[in-house]
């Protein structure tokens, strides 16, 4: 004999509330939030890691791992592993990309001269650090520029250079020879990683919804 649930077009075992079936949790808002918030949070972690010093780098790793673990759990084991891999790589690339863009757009250029050049040993070779002072100030603070920011081993004390500094003080200083904006290769890399991550998020969420 047909029951009320059959007449309403619902399964016999579906819970009822005031004569209406209780629907399961909607996954669409969670999917949209995951697609939108994951890259934004990863970009924030990458930006936090651009501040000089190991403390900022450490603080950026903790939320990065939390974001990746949550995205992994929401997308399932298989796709989630891909989301975590693409997301981690994206955070590694998007941080320096934002650094390059911001220094190109808002970096302030000052005449400076090199005060000292120091070498330090690496696992394969050696690196160099340049200490420099601005020549437009009577009492200039000392700026430190690493070899990844334009310092070269053939530079000598007293050499005139152009220093590019972040007026907000968040990013490390560079030499003008190392400020070129975001390269096309970096844009393509970030775009590819973002596309791959978003595709895996959608696949993982849709697969869990079907299950």
N, C-alpha and C. Protein backbone atom coordinates (compact mmCIF):
# COMPACT_ATOMS: atom_id res chain seq x y z
N UNK A 1 0.85 -1.20 0.00
CA UNK A 1 0.00 0.00 0.00
C UNK A 1 0.88 1.24 0.00
N UNK A 2 0.63 2.23 -0.85
CA UNK A 2 1.50 3.41 -0.92
C UNK A 2 1.49 4.17 0.39
N UNK A 3 2.64 4.60 0.78
CA UNK A 3 2.78 5.40 2.00
C UNK A 3 2.84 6.87 1.64
N UNK A 4 2.85 7.71 2.69
CA UNK A 4 2.94 9.16 2.47
C UNK A 4 4.23 9.53 1.78
N UNK A 5 5.32 8.80 2.14
CA UNK A 5 6.61 9.09 1.51
C UNK A 5 6.57 8.79 0.04
N UNK A 6 5.86 7.64 -0.33
CA UNK A 6 5.76 7.32 -1.76
C UNK A 6 4.94 8.36 -2.49
N UNK A 7 3.85 8.81 -1.88
CA UNK A 7 3.02 9.82 -2.52
C UNK A 7 3.77 11.12 -2.69
N UNK A 8 4.68 11.44 -1.81
CA UNK A 8 5.46 12.68 -1.92
C UNK A 8 6.67 12.53 -2.83
N UNK A 9 6.91 11.32 -3.30
CA UNK A 9 8.04 11.11 -4.20
C UNK A 9 9.36 11.00 -3.49
N UNK A 10 9.35 10.60 -2.22
CA UNK A 10 10.58 10.46 -1.47
C UNK A 10 10.77 9.02 -1.07
N UNK A 11 12.00 8.68 -0.67
CA UNK A 11 12.29 7.31 -0.25
C UNK A 11 11.57 7.03 1.05
N UNK A 12 11.14 5.77 1.28
CA UNK A 12 10.40 5.45 2.49
C UNK A 12 11.17 5.77 3.77
N UNK A 13 12.52 5.64 3.72
CA UNK A 13 13.29 5.87 4.94
C UNK A 13 13.75 7.29 5.12
N UNK A 14 13.35 8.22 4.24
CA UNK A 14 13.83 9.60 4.34
C UNK A 14 13.18 10.28 5.54
N UNK A 15 13.97 11.03 6.35
CA UNK A 15 13.39 11.72 7.51
C UNK A 15 12.43 12.80 7.07
N UNK A 16 11.39 13.01 7.90
CA UNK A 16 10.37 13.98 7.59
C UNK A 16 10.33 15.05 8.67
N UNK A 17 10.07 16.29 8.28
CA UNK A 17 9.90 17.39 9.23
C UNK A 17 8.69 18.19 8.80
N UNK A 18 7.63 18.15 9.59
CA UNK A 18 6.40 18.87 9.29
C UNK A 18 5.86 18.46 7.93
N UNK A 19 5.93 17.15 7.64
CA UNK A 19 5.38 16.64 6.39
C UNK A 19 6.28 16.82 5.20
N UNK A 20 7.49 17.35 5.40
CA UNK A 20 8.42 17.58 4.28
C UNK A 20 9.70 16.80 4.54
N UNK A 21 10.31 16.23 3.50
CA UNK A 21 11.55 15.48 3.69
C UNK A 21 12.71 16.42 4.03
N UNK A 22 13.60 15.95 4.89
CA UNK A 22 14.79 16.71 5.24
C UNK A 22 15.87 16.39 4.21
N UNK A 23 16.28 17.37 3.47
CA UNK A 23 17.29 17.17 2.43
C UNK A 23 18.68 17.10 3.05
N UNK A 24 19.60 16.41 2.37
CA UNK A 24 20.98 16.32 2.83
C UNK A 24 21.68 17.66 2.69
N UNK A 25 22.88 17.78 3.26
CA UNK A 25 23.61 19.04 3.20
C UNK A 25 23.97 19.41 1.76
N UNK A 26 23.81 20.64 1.43
CA UNK A 26 24.14 21.12 0.08
C UNK A 26 25.64 21.28 -0.05
N UNK A 27 26.19 20.75 -1.13
CA UNK A 27 27.63 20.79 -1.34
C UNK A 27 28.07 21.95 -2.21
N UNK A 28 27.14 22.56 -2.93
CA UNK A 28 27.54 23.63 -3.85
C UNK A 28 28.22 24.80 -3.15
N UNK A 29 27.65 25.33 -2.04
CA UNK A 29 28.35 26.44 -1.37
C UNK A 29 29.75 26.07 -0.91
N UNK A 30 29.92 24.83 -0.40
CA UNK A 30 31.24 24.40 0.03
C UNK A 30 32.19 24.33 -1.15
N UNK A 31 31.70 23.85 -2.27
CA UNK A 31 32.55 23.76 -3.47
C UNK A 31 32.97 25.15 -3.94
N UNK A 32 32.02 26.07 -3.98
CA UNK A 32 32.34 27.44 -4.41
C UNK A 32 33.35 28.08 -3.47
N UNK A 33 33.12 27.91 -2.17
CA UNK A 33 34.05 28.48 -1.20
C UNK A 33 35.44 27.88 -1.34
N UNK A 34 35.50 26.57 -1.59
CA UNK A 34 36.81 25.91 -1.75
C UNK A 34 37.53 26.43 -2.98
N UNK A 35 36.77 26.59 -4.08
CA UNK A 35 37.38 27.06 -5.33
C UNK A 35 37.89 28.50 -5.18
N UNK A 36 37.13 29.33 -4.46
CA UNK A 36 37.48 30.75 -4.36
C UNK A 36 38.51 31.00 -3.27
N UNK A 37 38.29 30.42 -2.09
CA UNK A 37 39.14 30.75 -0.94
C UNK A 37 40.52 30.08 -0.99
N UNK A 38 40.60 28.88 -1.56
CA UNK A 38 41.88 28.17 -1.55
C UNK A 38 42.99 28.96 -2.24
N UNK A 39 42.81 29.44 -3.49
CA UNK A 39 43.90 30.21 -4.11
C UNK A 39 44.16 31.53 -3.39
N UNK A 40 43.12 32.16 -2.84
CA UNK A 40 43.34 33.42 -2.12
C UNK A 40 44.17 33.20 -0.86
N UNK A 41 43.87 32.15 -0.13
CA UNK A 41 44.63 31.86 1.08
C UNK A 41 46.07 31.44 0.75
N UNK A 42 46.23 30.69 -0.33
CA UNK A 42 47.58 30.31 -0.74
C UNK A 42 48.39 31.53 -1.15
N UNK A 43 47.75 32.47 -1.85
CA UNK A 43 48.44 33.71 -2.22
C UNK A 43 48.84 34.49 -0.98
N UNK A 44 47.96 34.51 0.03
CA UNK A 44 48.30 35.19 1.27
C UNK A 44 49.48 34.56 1.97
N UNK A 45 49.53 33.23 1.98
CA UNK A 45 50.67 32.53 2.58
C UNK A 45 51.96 32.83 1.81
N UNK A 46 51.85 32.84 0.48
CA UNK A 46 53.03 33.16 -0.32
C UNK A 46 53.53 34.57 -0.09
N UNK A 47 52.60 35.52 0.07
CA UNK A 47 52.97 36.90 0.33
C UNK A 47 53.61 37.05 1.71
N UNK A 48 53.07 36.35 2.70
CA UNK A 48 53.64 36.41 4.05
C UNK A 48 55.07 35.90 4.06
N UNK A 49 55.36 34.90 3.25
CA UNK A 49 56.70 34.35 3.21
C UNK A 49 57.72 35.23 2.52
N UNK A 50 57.28 36.33 1.89
CA UNK A 50 58.22 37.22 1.21
C UNK A 50 58.90 38.21 2.15
N UNK A 51 58.40 38.31 3.37
CA UNK A 51 59.05 39.21 4.34
C UNK A 51 60.40 38.64 4.74
N UNK A 52 61.45 39.46 4.76
CA UNK A 52 62.77 38.93 5.13
C UNK A 52 62.77 38.35 6.54
N UNK A 53 63.51 37.29 6.70
CA UNK A 53 63.62 36.67 8.02
C UNK A 53 62.94 35.31 8.07
N UNK A 54 63.46 34.47 8.92
CA UNK A 54 62.94 33.10 9.04
C UNK A 54 61.60 33.05 9.77
N UNK A 55 61.31 34.04 10.62
CA UNK A 55 60.07 34.02 11.38
C UNK A 55 58.86 34.11 10.45
N UNK A 56 58.90 35.05 9.50
CA UNK A 56 57.78 35.20 8.57
C UNK A 56 57.62 33.94 7.72
N UNK A 57 58.73 33.34 7.33
CA UNK A 57 58.66 32.10 6.54
C UNK A 57 58.01 30.99 7.35
N UNK A 58 58.39 30.88 8.62
CA UNK A 58 57.80 29.86 9.47
C UNK A 58 56.31 30.09 9.67
N UNK A 59 55.93 31.34 9.89
CA UNK A 59 54.52 31.66 10.10
C UNK A 59 53.70 31.44 8.84
N UNK A 60 54.32 31.52 7.69
CA UNK A 60 53.58 31.29 6.45
C UNK A 60 53.38 29.80 6.17
N UNK A 61 54.26 28.97 6.68
CA UNK A 61 54.16 27.53 6.42
C UNK A 61 53.00 26.92 7.18
N UNK A 62 52.77 27.37 8.42
CA UNK A 62 51.72 26.78 9.24
C UNK A 62 50.34 26.95 8.61
N UNK A 63 49.89 28.17 8.26
CA UNK A 63 48.58 28.28 7.61
C UNK A 63 48.56 27.62 6.23
N UNK A 64 49.69 27.58 5.55
CA UNK A 64 49.74 26.92 4.25
C UNK A 64 49.40 25.45 4.39
N UNK A 65 49.99 24.78 5.37
CA UNK A 65 49.71 23.35 5.57
C UNK A 65 48.26 23.13 5.99
N UNK A 66 47.73 24.04 6.80
CA UNK A 66 46.33 23.91 7.22
C UNK A 66 45.39 24.02 6.02
N UNK A 67 45.63 25.01 5.16
CA UNK A 67 44.79 25.20 3.97
C UNK A 67 44.85 23.97 3.07
N UNK A 68 46.05 23.44 2.85
CA UNK A 68 46.20 22.29 1.97
C UNK A 68 45.54 21.05 2.56
N UNK A 69 45.65 20.86 3.87
CA UNK A 69 45.03 19.69 4.50
C UNK A 69 43.51 19.77 4.43
N UNK A 70 42.96 20.96 4.65
CA UNK A 70 41.50 21.12 4.57
C UNK A 70 41.02 20.88 3.14
N UNK A 71 41.72 21.45 2.16
CA UNK A 71 41.34 21.23 0.76
C UNK A 71 41.44 19.76 0.38
N UNK A 72 42.47 19.08 0.88
CA UNK A 72 42.64 17.65 0.63
C UNK A 72 41.44 16.87 1.18
N UNK A 73 41.06 17.18 2.41
CA UNK A 73 39.95 16.47 3.03
C UNK A 73 38.63 16.72 2.30
N UNK A 74 38.42 17.92 1.82
CA UNK A 74 37.18 18.25 1.14
C UNK A 74 37.07 17.63 -0.24
N UNK A 75 38.21 17.31 -0.85
CA UNK A 75 38.21 16.80 -2.22
C UNK A 75 38.40 15.29 -2.30
N UNK A 76 38.67 14.63 -1.20
CA UNK A 76 38.87 13.19 -1.24
C UNK A 76 40.33 12.84 -1.41
N UNK A 77 40.63 11.56 -1.19
CA UNK A 77 42.02 11.11 -1.14
C UNK A 77 42.77 11.34 -2.46
N UNK A 78 42.22 10.83 -3.56
CA UNK A 78 42.93 10.94 -4.83
C UNK A 78 43.07 12.36 -5.34
N UNK A 79 41.96 13.04 -5.66
CA UNK A 79 42.05 14.43 -6.11
C UNK A 79 42.66 15.35 -5.07
N UNK A 80 42.42 15.05 -3.79
CA UNK A 80 42.97 15.91 -2.74
C UNK A 80 44.48 15.92 -2.73
N UNK A 81 45.10 14.78 -3.03
CA UNK A 81 46.56 14.75 -3.10
C UNK A 81 47.07 15.64 -4.23
N UNK A 82 46.36 15.62 -5.35
CA UNK A 82 46.74 16.50 -6.46
C UNK A 82 46.54 17.96 -6.12
N UNK A 83 45.43 18.28 -5.41
CA UNK A 83 45.18 19.65 -4.98
C UNK A 83 46.30 20.13 -4.07
N UNK A 84 46.72 19.28 -3.13
CA UNK A 84 47.79 19.66 -2.21
C UNK A 84 49.10 19.89 -2.95
N UNK A 85 49.41 19.03 -3.92
CA UNK A 85 50.66 19.19 -4.67
C UNK A 85 50.64 20.46 -5.52
N UNK A 86 49.56 20.67 -6.26
CA UNK A 86 49.46 21.88 -7.08
C UNK A 86 49.42 23.13 -6.20
N UNK A 87 48.71 23.05 -5.07
CA UNK A 87 48.61 24.21 -4.19
C UNK A 87 49.94 24.58 -3.56
N UNK A 88 50.71 23.59 -3.15
CA UNK A 88 52.01 23.87 -2.55
C UNK A 88 52.94 24.52 -3.57
N UNK A 89 52.95 23.97 -4.78
CA UNK A 89 53.77 24.56 -5.84
C UNK A 89 53.31 25.98 -6.18
N UNK A 90 51.99 26.20 -6.20
CA UNK A 90 51.47 27.52 -6.50
C UNK A 90 51.92 28.53 -5.45
N UNK A 91 51.88 28.15 -4.18
CA UNK A 91 52.32 29.07 -3.13
C UNK A 91 53.81 29.41 -3.27
N UNK A 92 54.61 28.45 -3.73
CA UNK A 92 56.04 28.71 -3.91
C UNK A 92 56.30 29.70 -5.04
N UNK A 93 55.45 29.69 -6.06
CA UNK A 93 55.67 30.56 -7.21
C UNK A 93 54.93 31.89 -7.11
N UNK A 94 53.74 31.88 -6.53
CA UNK A 94 52.94 33.10 -6.52
C UNK A 94 53.53 34.14 -5.58
N UNK A 95 54.19 33.72 -4.50
CA UNK A 95 54.83 34.68 -3.59
C UNK A 95 55.89 35.52 -4.28
N UNK A 96 56.90 34.88 -4.91
CA UNK A 96 57.90 35.66 -5.65
C UNK A 96 57.30 36.46 -6.80
N UNK A 97 56.23 35.95 -7.44
CA UNK A 97 55.60 36.71 -8.52
C UNK A 97 55.01 38.01 -7.98
N UNK A 98 54.34 37.95 -6.85
CA UNK A 98 53.79 39.16 -6.24
C UNK A 98 54.90 40.10 -5.79
N UNK A 99 55.99 39.52 -5.30
CA UNK A 99 57.15 40.32 -4.91
C UNK A 99 57.69 41.11 -6.10
N UNK A 100 57.87 40.43 -7.23
CA UNK A 100 58.37 41.10 -8.43
C UNK A 100 57.42 42.21 -8.89
N UNK A 101 56.12 41.91 -8.85
CA UNK A 101 55.15 42.90 -9.32
C UNK A 101 55.13 44.13 -8.42
N UNK A 102 55.09 43.91 -7.11
CA UNK A 102 54.99 45.03 -6.17
C UNK A 102 56.25 45.89 -6.23
N UNK A 103 57.41 45.27 -6.29
CA UNK A 103 58.65 46.05 -6.34
C UNK A 103 58.74 46.86 -7.63
N UNK A 104 58.20 46.31 -8.72
CA UNK A 104 58.20 47.06 -9.98
C UNK A 104 57.25 48.24 -9.91
N UNK A 105 56.10 48.06 -9.23
CA UNK A 105 55.07 49.09 -9.23
C UNK A 105 55.30 50.17 -8.17
N UNK A 106 55.67 49.78 -6.97
CA UNK A 106 55.76 50.76 -5.90
C UNK A 106 57.15 50.92 -5.29
N UNK A 107 58.12 50.15 -5.79
CA UNK A 107 59.48 50.29 -5.27
C UNK A 107 60.06 51.68 -5.54
N UNK A 108 60.69 52.27 -4.55
CA UNK A 108 61.30 53.60 -4.69
C UNK A 108 62.80 53.45 -4.91
N UNK A 109 63.30 54.21 -5.90
CA UNK A 109 64.70 54.10 -6.29
C UNK A 109 65.52 55.22 -5.65
N UNK A 110 66.69 54.84 -5.12
CA UNK A 110 67.57 55.79 -4.45
C UNK A 110 69.00 55.58 -4.94
N UNK A 111 69.76 56.67 -5.08
CA UNK A 111 71.19 56.50 -5.37
C UNK A 111 71.89 55.96 -4.13
N UNK A 112 72.79 55.02 -4.35
CA UNK A 112 73.47 54.39 -3.22
C UNK A 112 74.87 53.97 -3.64
N UNK A 113 75.66 53.57 -2.66
CA UNK A 113 76.98 53.03 -2.92
C UNK A 113 77.20 51.82 -2.03
N UNK A 114 78.02 50.92 -2.51
CA UNK A 114 78.27 49.69 -1.77
C UNK A 114 79.28 49.97 -0.66
N UNK A 115 78.94 49.53 0.54
CA UNK A 115 79.82 49.71 1.68
C UNK A 115 80.69 48.48 1.92
N UNK A 116 80.16 47.32 1.65
CA UNK A 116 80.91 46.08 1.90
C UNK A 116 80.28 44.94 1.13
N UNK A 117 81.10 43.98 0.76
CA UNK A 117 80.64 42.76 0.09
C UNK A 117 81.20 41.57 0.85
N UNK A 118 80.33 40.70 1.31
CA UNK A 118 80.73 39.52 2.06
C UNK A 118 80.33 38.26 1.32
N UNK A 119 81.18 37.25 1.41
CA UNK A 119 80.90 35.95 0.79
C UNK A 119 80.56 34.95 1.88
N UNK A 120 79.67 34.04 1.57
CA UNK A 120 79.33 32.96 2.49
C UNK A 120 79.25 31.66 1.70
N UNK A 121 79.53 30.57 2.37
CA UNK A 121 79.63 29.28 1.70
C UNK A 121 78.26 28.63 1.57
N UNK A 122 78.05 28.05 0.41
CA UNK A 122 76.86 27.26 0.13
C UNK A 122 77.27 25.81 -0.11
N UNK A 123 76.28 24.95 -0.26
CA UNK A 123 76.59 23.54 -0.49
C UNK A 123 77.32 23.35 -1.80
N UNK A 124 76.94 24.13 -2.80
CA UNK A 124 77.60 24.05 -4.11
C UNK A 124 78.06 25.45 -4.51
N UNK A 125 79.17 25.88 -3.99
CA UNK A 125 79.72 27.19 -4.32
C UNK A 125 79.63 28.16 -3.16
N UNK A 126 79.46 29.42 -3.49
CA UNK A 126 79.35 30.45 -2.46
C UNK A 126 78.37 31.52 -2.89
N UNK A 127 77.80 32.21 -1.90
CA UNK A 127 76.91 33.32 -2.16
C UNK A 127 77.53 34.62 -1.68
N UNK A 128 76.87 35.72 -1.98
CA UNK A 128 77.41 37.04 -1.64
C UNK A 128 76.31 37.94 -1.10
N UNK A 129 76.69 38.78 -0.16
CA UNK A 129 75.79 39.76 0.43
C UNK A 129 76.42 41.13 0.34
N UNK A 130 75.67 42.09 -0.16
CA UNK A 130 76.17 43.46 -0.29
C UNK A 130 75.50 44.36 0.75
N UNK A 131 76.32 45.08 1.49
CA UNK A 131 75.82 46.11 2.40
C UNK A 131 76.00 47.45 1.71
N UNK A 132 74.97 48.28 1.70
CA UNK A 132 75.04 49.55 0.99
C UNK A 132 74.32 50.64 1.75
N UNK A 133 74.70 51.87 1.44
CA UNK A 133 74.09 53.04 2.07
C UNK A 133 73.65 54.00 0.97
N UNK A 134 72.62 54.77 1.29
CA UNK A 134 72.12 55.75 0.33
C UNK A 134 73.01 56.98 0.35
N UNK A 135 73.24 57.52 -0.83
CA UNK A 135 74.09 58.71 -0.94
C UNK A 135 73.28 60.01 -0.90
N UNK A 136 71.95 59.90 -0.89
CA UNK A 136 71.12 61.10 -0.82
C UNK A 136 70.81 61.50 0.62
N UNK A 137 71.31 60.74 1.58
CA UNK A 137 71.10 61.03 2.98
C UNK A 137 72.43 61.23 3.69
N UNK A 138 72.45 62.19 4.61
CA UNK A 138 73.68 62.40 5.37
C UNK A 138 73.95 61.22 6.30
N UNK A 139 72.92 60.69 6.91
CA UNK A 139 73.06 59.54 7.80
C UNK A 139 72.10 58.46 7.32
N UNK A 140 72.61 57.61 6.48
CA UNK A 140 71.78 56.59 5.85
C UNK A 140 71.82 55.29 6.64
N UNK A 141 70.68 54.61 6.76
CA UNK A 141 70.72 53.25 7.31
C UNK A 141 71.42 52.31 6.34
N UNK A 142 71.85 51.19 6.83
CA UNK A 142 72.52 50.21 5.99
C UNK A 142 71.51 49.23 5.43
N UNK A 143 71.53 49.04 4.13
CA UNK A 143 70.64 48.10 3.46
C UNK A 143 71.43 46.85 3.08
N UNK A 144 70.82 45.71 3.26
CA UNK A 144 71.47 44.44 2.91
C UNK A 144 70.76 43.84 1.70
N UNK A 145 71.54 43.50 0.70
CA UNK A 145 71.01 42.92 -0.54
C UNK A 145 71.73 41.60 -0.79
N UNK A 146 70.94 40.53 -0.93
CA UNK A 146 71.52 39.21 -1.19
C UNK A 146 71.86 39.05 -2.67
N UNK A 147 72.55 37.95 -2.97
CA UNK A 147 72.90 37.70 -4.37
C UNK A 147 71.67 37.38 -5.21
N UNK A 148 70.59 36.90 -4.57
CA UNK A 148 69.35 36.67 -5.31
C UNK A 148 68.60 37.96 -5.59
N UNK A 149 69.08 39.07 -5.05
CA UNK A 149 68.42 40.37 -5.22
C UNK A 149 69.31 41.36 -5.97
N UNK A 150 70.38 40.87 -6.60
CA UNK A 150 71.21 41.74 -7.43
C UNK A 150 72.66 41.87 -7.01
N UNK A 151 73.02 41.41 -5.82
CA UNK A 151 74.42 41.49 -5.39
C UNK A 151 75.26 40.50 -6.18
N UNK A 152 76.43 40.94 -6.65
CA UNK A 152 77.32 40.09 -7.42
C UNK A 152 78.71 40.08 -6.81
N UNK A 153 79.42 39.01 -7.05
CA UNK A 153 80.72 38.83 -6.41
C UNK A 153 81.78 39.82 -6.91
N UNK A 154 81.61 40.37 -8.11
CA UNK A 154 82.60 41.29 -8.63
C UNK A 154 82.34 42.74 -8.23
N UNK A 155 81.33 42.99 -7.39
CA UNK A 155 81.08 44.34 -6.91
C UNK A 155 82.09 44.71 -5.84
N UNK A 156 82.43 46.00 -5.77
CA UNK A 156 83.46 46.47 -4.87
C UNK A 156 82.92 47.61 -4.00
N UNK A 157 83.45 47.77 -2.77
CA UNK A 157 83.05 48.90 -1.92
C UNK A 157 83.30 50.24 -2.62
N UNK A 158 82.37 51.15 -2.47
CA UNK A 158 82.45 52.45 -3.11
C UNK A 158 81.77 52.51 -4.47
N UNK A 159 81.39 51.37 -5.03
CA UNK A 159 80.73 51.34 -6.33
C UNK A 159 79.34 51.96 -6.23
N UNK A 160 79.00 52.79 -7.20
CA UNK A 160 77.68 53.44 -7.21
C UNK A 160 76.64 52.51 -7.83
N UNK A 161 75.49 52.42 -7.17
CA UNK A 161 74.40 51.57 -7.63
C UNK A 161 73.08 52.30 -7.41
N UNK A 162 72.01 51.74 -7.92
CA UNK A 162 70.67 52.26 -7.65
C UNK A 162 69.93 51.25 -6.80
N UNK A 163 69.51 51.69 -5.63
CA UNK A 163 68.81 50.82 -4.68
C UNK A 163 67.31 50.98 -4.87
N UNK A 164 66.59 49.87 -4.85
CA UNK A 164 65.13 49.87 -4.92
C UNK A 164 64.60 49.33 -3.60
N UNK A 165 63.84 50.15 -2.88
CA UNK A 165 63.35 49.77 -1.56
C UNK A 165 61.83 49.84 -1.53
N UNK A 166 61.23 48.96 -0.76
CA UNK A 166 59.78 48.96 -0.56
C UNK A 166 59.44 50.04 0.46
N UNK A 167 58.63 51.05 0.09
CA UNK A 167 58.30 52.11 1.05
C UNK A 167 57.53 51.60 2.27
N UNK A 168 56.85 50.46 2.12
CA UNK A 168 56.12 49.89 3.25
C UNK A 168 57.03 49.09 4.17
N UNK A 169 58.24 48.79 3.69
CA UNK A 169 59.18 48.05 4.51
C UNK A 169 58.90 46.56 4.64
N UNK A 170 57.96 46.03 3.87
CA UNK A 170 57.62 44.62 3.98
C UNK A 170 58.57 43.75 3.17
N UNK A 171 58.93 44.18 1.97
CA UNK A 171 59.78 43.40 1.09
C UNK A 171 61.23 43.84 1.23
N UNK A 172 62.13 42.91 0.99
CA UNK A 172 63.55 43.21 1.05
C UNK A 172 63.97 44.12 -0.09
N UNK A 173 65.04 44.87 0.14
CA UNK A 173 65.55 45.79 -0.88
C UNK A 173 66.24 45.01 -2.00
N UNK A 174 66.31 45.66 -3.17
CA UNK A 174 66.97 45.07 -4.33
C UNK A 174 67.80 46.13 -5.03
N UNK A 175 68.64 45.65 -5.93
CA UNK A 175 69.29 46.56 -6.86
C UNK A 175 68.40 46.72 -8.09
N UNK A 176 68.50 47.87 -8.73
CA UNK A 176 67.63 48.15 -9.87
C UNK A 176 67.83 47.16 -11.01
N UNK A 177 69.01 46.55 -11.08
CA UNK A 177 69.27 45.57 -12.14
C UNK A 177 68.46 44.30 -11.95
N UNK A 178 67.86 44.12 -10.76
CA UNK A 178 67.10 42.91 -10.48
C UNK A 178 65.60 43.19 -10.42
N UNK A 179 65.16 44.36 -10.84
CA UNK A 179 63.74 44.72 -10.82
C UNK A 179 63.25 44.77 -12.26
N UNK A 180 62.51 43.76 -12.67
CA UNK A 180 62.02 43.66 -14.05
C UNK A 180 60.52 43.38 -14.11
N UNK A 181 59.83 43.33 -12.98
CA UNK A 181 58.44 42.95 -13.00
C UNK A 181 58.28 41.45 -13.12
N UNK A 182 57.04 41.02 -13.32
CA UNK A 182 56.74 39.59 -13.42
C UNK A 182 57.04 39.11 -14.84
N UNK A 183 57.84 38.07 -14.95
CA UNK A 183 58.20 37.55 -16.26
C UNK A 183 57.04 36.74 -16.85
N UNK A 184 56.95 36.65 -18.18
CA UNK A 184 55.89 35.83 -18.79
C UNK A 184 55.95 34.37 -18.35
N UNK A 185 57.17 33.85 -18.17
CA UNK A 185 57.29 32.46 -17.73
C UNK A 185 56.67 32.27 -16.35
N UNK A 186 56.86 33.24 -15.46
CA UNK A 186 56.28 33.14 -14.12
C UNK A 186 54.76 33.21 -14.20
N UNK A 187 54.23 34.07 -15.05
CA UNK A 187 52.78 34.17 -15.21
C UNK A 187 52.18 32.87 -15.73
N UNK A 188 52.83 32.28 -16.73
CA UNK A 188 52.33 31.02 -17.28
C UNK A 188 52.42 29.91 -16.25
N UNK A 189 53.48 29.89 -15.46
CA UNK A 189 53.63 28.86 -14.43
C UNK A 189 52.53 28.97 -13.38
N UNK A 190 52.32 30.18 -12.88
CA UNK A 190 51.27 30.39 -11.87
C UNK A 190 49.89 30.08 -12.44
N UNK A 191 49.64 30.51 -13.68
CA UNK A 191 48.35 30.23 -14.31
C UNK A 191 48.11 28.75 -14.50
N UNK A 192 49.15 28.01 -14.91
CA UNK A 192 49.00 26.57 -15.10
C UNK A 192 48.75 25.84 -13.80
N UNK A 193 49.49 26.21 -12.74
CA UNK A 193 49.28 25.58 -11.45
C UNK A 193 47.90 25.90 -10.89
N UNK A 194 47.46 27.14 -11.07
CA UNK A 194 46.12 27.52 -10.60
C UNK A 194 45.04 26.75 -11.33
N UNK A 195 45.17 26.63 -12.65
CA UNK A 195 44.18 25.89 -13.43
C UNK A 195 44.12 24.43 -13.02
N UNK A 196 45.28 23.81 -12.87
CA UNK A 196 45.31 22.41 -12.45
C UNK A 196 44.70 22.20 -11.08
N UNK A 197 44.99 23.09 -10.15
CA UNK A 197 44.45 22.95 -8.80
C UNK A 197 42.93 23.12 -8.80
N UNK A 198 42.43 24.15 -9.50
CA UNK A 198 41.00 24.39 -9.53
C UNK A 198 40.26 23.24 -10.21
N UNK A 199 40.85 22.67 -11.26
CA UNK A 199 40.21 21.55 -11.94
C UNK A 199 40.11 20.34 -11.02
N UNK A 200 41.14 20.08 -10.25
CA UNK A 200 41.10 18.95 -9.32
C UNK A 200 40.13 19.19 -8.18
N UNK A 201 40.01 20.44 -7.74
CA UNK A 201 39.02 20.75 -6.69
C UNK A 201 37.61 20.46 -7.20
N UNK A 202 37.29 20.92 -8.39
CA UNK A 202 35.96 20.67 -8.95
C UNK A 202 35.72 19.18 -9.17
N UNK A 203 36.72 18.49 -9.67
CA UNK A 203 36.57 17.05 -9.89
C UNK A 203 36.34 16.32 -8.58
N UNK A 204 37.14 16.65 -7.57
CA UNK A 204 37.02 15.98 -6.29
C UNK A 204 35.69 16.26 -5.62
N UNK A 205 35.23 17.50 -5.67
CA UNK A 205 33.95 17.84 -5.04
C UNK A 205 32.78 17.18 -5.77
N UNK A 206 32.80 17.17 -7.09
CA UNK A 206 31.72 16.54 -7.86
C UNK A 206 31.72 15.03 -7.65
N UNK A 207 32.89 14.44 -7.56
CA UNK A 207 32.95 12.99 -7.33
C UNK A 207 32.41 12.62 -5.96
N UNK A 208 32.71 13.43 -4.97
CA UNK A 208 32.17 13.16 -3.62
C UNK A 208 30.67 13.39 -3.59
N UNK A 209 30.18 14.34 -4.37
CA UNK A 209 28.73 14.57 -4.41
C UNK A 209 28.01 13.40 -5.04
N UNK A 210 28.56 12.83 -6.11
CA UNK A 210 27.94 11.68 -6.74
C UNK A 210 27.96 10.46 -5.81
N UNK A 211 29.07 10.37 -5.02
CA UNK A 211 29.16 9.23 -4.09
C UNK A 211 28.15 9.35 -2.96
